[in-house]
Amino acid sequence: MSPETGHSSEVETTITARYWAGARSAAGVEQDVFEVPGPLTLAEVRALVLAAHPGPDVARTIGVCSVLVGDRPVSTQDAGAVVVEPGTTVEFLPPFAGG
């Protein structure tokens, strides 16, 4: 932290994609951390996820997931219009069975 401003001078350069339940099984990992040059759209984050985990399982699972950007649900919004800032976690939550 800068003693003059009280703010950290470090700039966030990553976006974390966290996978839950079936999405975690399909990806084979709990999360990915992507180095990014700046803000991305949710569509661009999804493209990073699919590039990191090629194959039909992740594509199919991510396609039906509810998505949180930080703590904000964004599943019903246009993925090309949702901005994901560096330092943010994107949560992919597949449909859950149960009652």
Protein backbone atom coordinates (compact mmCIF):
# COMPACT_ATOMS: atom_id res chain seq x y z
CA MET A 1 0.00 0.00 0.00
CA SER A 2 1.15 3.47 -0.70
CA PRO A 3 1.64 5.33 2.59
CA GLU A 4 0.34 8.55 1.04
CA THR A 5 -2.95 7.24 -0.33
CA GLY A 6 -3.64 4.15 1.74
CA HIS A 7 -4.41 2.27 -1.48
CA SER A 8 -2.62 -0.71 -2.92
CA SER A 9 -0.62 0.07 -6.04
CA GLU A 10 -0.92 -3.49 -7.35
CA VAL A 11 -3.15 -3.93 -10.36
CA GLU A 12 -5.23 -7.08 -10.70
CA THR A 13 -4.37 -9.00 -13.86
CA THR A 14 -6.35 -12.21 -13.46
CA ILE A 15 -9.90 -13.48 -13.72
CA THR A 16 -10.79 -16.67 -11.86
CA ALA A 17 -13.29 -19.15 -13.32
CA ARG A 18 -14.68 -21.42 -10.59
CA TYR A 19 -16.61 -24.57 -11.46
CA TRP A 20 -19.25 -26.28 -9.33
CA ALA A 21 -20.62 -29.84 -9.33
CA GLY A 22 -20.91 -31.21 -12.89
CA ALA A 23 -18.94 -28.30 -14.32
CA ARG A 24 -16.07 -29.20 -11.99
CA SER A 25 -16.29 -32.84 -13.07
CA ALA A 26 -16.28 -31.89 -16.75
CA ALA A 27 -13.34 -29.48 -16.40
CA GLY A 28 -11.39 -31.79 -14.11
CA VAL A 29 -10.35 -28.85 -11.91
CA GLU A 30 -11.99 -26.68 -9.26
CA GLN A 31 -10.96 -23.44 -10.93
CA ASP A 32 -8.79 -21.77 -13.53
CA VAL A 33 -6.99 -18.46 -13.15
CA PHE A 34 -6.54 -16.59 -16.42
CA GLU A 35 -4.04 -13.78 -16.97
CA VAL A 36 -5.89 -10.99 -18.76
CA PRO A 37 -4.80 -7.64 -20.24
CA GLY A 38 -7.85 -5.82 -18.86
CA PRO A 39 -11.62 -6.21 -18.63
CA LEU A 40 -13.22 -8.94 -20.74
CA THR A 41 -16.78 -9.78 -21.60
CA LEU A 42 -18.39 -12.89 -20.16
CA ALA A 43 -18.37 -14.31 -23.70
CA GLU A 44 -14.59 -13.88 -23.78
CA VAL A 45 -14.21 -15.56 -20.38
CA ARG A 46 -16.31 -18.49 -21.63
CA ALA A 47 -14.03 -18.71 -24.68
CA LEU A 48 -10.99 -18.89 -22.36
CA VAL A 49 -12.66 -21.70 -20.40
CA LEU A 50 -13.45 -23.64 -23.57
CA ALA A 51 -9.90 -23.16 -24.89
CA ALA A 52 -8.47 -24.42 -21.59
CA HIS A 53 -10.76 -27.46 -21.60
CA PRO A 54 -11.45 -28.49 -25.21
CA GLY A 55 -14.01 -31.15 -25.86
CA PRO A 56 -17.75 -31.58 -25.77
CA ASP A 57 -18.19 -32.19 -22.02
CA VAL A 58 -17.12 -28.74 -20.83
CA ALA A 59 -18.83 -26.98 -23.75
CA ARG A 60 -22.10 -28.78 -23.07
CA THR A 61 -21.94 -28.22 -19.31
CA ILE A 62 -20.89 -24.55 -19.44
CA GLY A 63 -23.70 -23.94 -21.92
CA VAL A 64 -26.38 -24.80 -19.34
CA CYS A 65 -24.75 -23.25 -16.26
CA SER A 66 -26.09 -20.38 -14.24
CA VAL A 67 -23.33 -17.78 -13.99
CA LEU A 68 -22.33 -15.36 -11.27
CA VAL A 69 -19.86 -12.56 -11.90
CA GLY A 70 -18.69 -11.76 -8.41
CA ASP A 71 -21.93 -12.08 -6.46
CA ARG A 72 -24.11 -10.83 -9.33
CA PRO A 73 -26.28 -13.32 -11.29
CA VAL A 74 -25.85 -12.66 -15.01
CA SER A 75 -27.24 -15.78 -16.69
CA THR A 76 -30.14 -13.93 -18.31
CA GLN A 77 -27.94 -11.15 -19.70
CA ASP A 78 -26.15 -11.02 -23.05
CA ALA A 79 -22.72 -12.58 -22.42
CA GLY A 80 -21.22 -10.11 -24.89
CA ALA A 81 -22.45 -7.19 -22.82
CA VAL A 82 -21.46 -8.42 -19.34
CA VAL A 83 -18.10 -6.90 -18.36
CA VAL A 84 -15.77 -8.96 -16.16
CA GLU A 85 -13.09 -6.86 -14.48
CA PRO A 86 -9.70 -8.30 -13.54
CA GLY A 87 -9.77 -9.50 -9.94
CA THR A 88 -13.27 -10.94 -10.36
CA THR A 89 -14.37 -14.55 -9.93
CA VAL A 90 -16.84 -16.00 -12.43
CA GLU A 91 -18.82 -18.93 -10.97
CA PHE A 92 -20.27 -21.61 -13.26
CA LEU A 93 -23.12 -23.45 -11.53
CA PRO A 94 -24.78 -26.28 -13.45
CA PRO A 95 -28.40 -27.20 -12.77
CA PHE A 96 -28.72 -29.20 -9.57
CA ALA A 97 -31.05 -32.14 -9.02
CA GLY A 98 -32.98 -32.39 -5.82
CA GLY A 99 -36.03 -31.16 -4.13
